[in-house]
């Protein structure tokens, strides 16, 4: 599942995000969502989140539990 819809992204989910510094390379970082930072219901580049370890990026993939 991609991370473009805010309703699909919830704290505690495991996700892959792309960090700002990795946007050109597309390198993904895996982690657990702590906070949702995007307020709008959707975003074409992915919902911006803060991971439990403090890193901030846009969700590219959501892992189902």
C-alpha atoms as a PDB file:
ATOM      1  CA  UNK A   1       0.000   0.000   0.000  1.00  0.00           C
ATOM      2  CA  UNK A   2       1.372   3.431  -0.858  1.00  0.00           C
ATOM      3  CA  UNK A   3       1.301   6.275   1.658  1.00  0.00           C
ATOM      4  CA  UNK A   4      -0.595   8.954  -0.265  1.00  0.00           C
ATOM      5  CA  UNK A   5      -3.816   8.821   1.794  1.00  0.00           C
ATOM      6  CA  UNK A   6      -3.719  10.152   5.370  1.00  0.00           C
ATOM      7  CA  UNK A   7      -6.457   7.719   6.461  1.00  0.00           C
ATOM      8  CA  UNK A   8      -4.124   4.772   5.657  1.00  0.00           C
ATOM      9  CA  UNK A   9      -1.217   6.012   7.811  1.00  0.00           C
ATOM     10  CA  UNK A  10      -1.479   5.583  11.592  1.00  0.00           C
ATOM     11  CA  UNK A  11       0.979   5.749  14.486  1.00  0.00           C
ATOM     12  CA  UNK A  12       2.499   2.340  15.196  1.00  0.00           C
ATOM     13  CA  UNK A  13       2.534   1.137  11.576  1.00  0.00           C
ATOM     14  CA  UNK A  14       5.782  -0.037   9.998  1.00  0.00           C
ATOM     15  CA  UNK A  15       6.541   1.998   6.867  1.00  0.00           C
ATOM     16  CA  UNK A  16       9.247   2.832   4.344  1.00  0.00           C
ATOM     17  CA  UNK A  17       9.890   6.566   3.982  1.00  0.00           C
ATOM     18  CA  UNK A  18      12.119   8.647   1.757  1.00  0.00           C
ATOM     19  CA  UNK A  19      14.115  11.232   3.702  1.00  0.00           C
ATOM     20  CA  UNK A  20      14.624  14.737   2.278  1.00  0.00           C
ATOM     21  CA  UNK A  21      18.333  14.017   1.679  1.00  0.00           C
ATOM     22  CA  UNK A  22      17.443  10.786  -0.179  1.00  0.00           C
ATOM     23  CA  UNK A  23      14.788  12.194  -2.523  1.00  0.00           C
ATOM     24  CA  UNK A  24      17.146  12.221  -5.526  1.00  0.00           C
ATOM     25  CA  UNK A  25      18.427   8.670  -4.995  1.00  0.00           C
ATOM     26  CA  UNK A  26      15.093   7.238  -3.821  1.00  0.00           C
ATOM     27  CA  UNK A  27      16.783   5.395  -0.915  1.00  0.00           C
ATOM     28  CA  UNK A  28      14.129   4.179   1.544  1.00  0.00           C
ATOM     29  CA  UNK A  29      14.332   4.111   5.335  1.00  0.00           C
ATOM     30  CA  UNK A  30      12.184   1.675   7.335  1.00  0.00           C
ATOM     31  CA  UNK A  31      10.689   2.562  10.690  1.00  0.00           C
ATOM     32  CA  UNK A  32       7.601   2.854  12.880  1.00  0.00           C
ATOM     33  CA  UNK A  33       5.335   5.912  12.583  1.00  0.00           C
ATOM     34  CA  UNK A  34       5.255   8.142  15.664  1.00  0.00           C
ATOM     35  CA  UNK A  35       3.504  11.306  14.355  1.00  0.00           C
ATOM     36  CA  UNK A  36       1.683  12.353  11.183  1.00  0.00           C
ATOM     37  CA  UNK A  37       2.902  15.752  10.001  1.00  0.00           C
ATOM     38  CA  UNK A  38       0.752  16.227   6.860  1.00  0.00           C
ATOM     39  CA  UNK A  39      -2.630  17.762   7.692  1.00  0.00           C
ATOM     40  CA  UNK A  40      -4.331  17.349   4.294  1.00  0.00           C
ATOM     41  CA  UNK A  41      -6.251  14.117   3.519  1.00  0.00           C
ATOM     42  CA  UNK A  42      -3.820  13.166   0.727  1.00  0.00           C
ATOM     43  CA  UNK A  43      -0.491  14.152  -0.817  1.00  0.00           C
ATOM     44  CA  UNK A  44       0.868  13.036  -4.216  1.00  0.00           C
ATOM     45  CA  UNK A  45       4.409  12.450  -2.867  1.00  0.00           C
ATOM     46  CA  UNK A  46       3.281  10.647   0.302  1.00  0.00           C
ATOM     47  CA  UNK A  47       2.130  11.657   3.771  1.00  0.00           C
ATOM     48  CA  UNK A  48       4.929  13.250   5.812  1.00  0.00           C
ATOM     49  CA  UNK A  49       5.588  11.441   9.092  1.00  0.00           C
ATOM     50  CA  UNK A  50       8.017  11.389  12.012  1.00  0.00           C
ATOM     51  CA  UNK A  51       9.363   7.946  12.850  1.00  0.00           C
ATOM     52  CA  UNK A  52       9.883   6.653  16.383  1.00  0.00           C
ATOM     53  CA  UNK A  53      13.636   7.356  16.008  1.00  0.00           C
ATOM     54  CA  UNK A  54      12.939  11.010  15.066  1.00  0.00           C
ATOM     55  CA  UNK A  55      13.597  10.860  11.309  1.00  0.00           C
ATOM     56  CA  UNK A  56      11.137  12.749   9.092  1.00  0.00           C
ATOM     57  CA  UNK A  57      10.129  11.800   5.561  1.00  0.00           C
ATOM     58  CA  UNK A  58       7.316  10.927   3.192  1.00  0.00           C
ATOM     59  CA  UNK A  59       5.685   7.475   3.276  1.00  0.00           C
ATOM     60  CA  UNK A  60       6.332   5.354   0.186  1.00  0.00           C
ATOM     61  CA  UNK A  61       5.162   1.941   1.428  1.00  0.00           C
ATOM     62  CA  UNK A  62       3.031   0.690   4.314  1.00  0.00           C
ATOM     63  CA  UNK A  63       3.520  -2.823   5.705  1.00  0.00           C
ATOM     64  CA  UNK A  64       0.335  -4.634   6.694  1.00  0.00           C
ATOM     65  CA  UNK A  65       0.188  -6.142  10.191  1.00  0.00           C
END
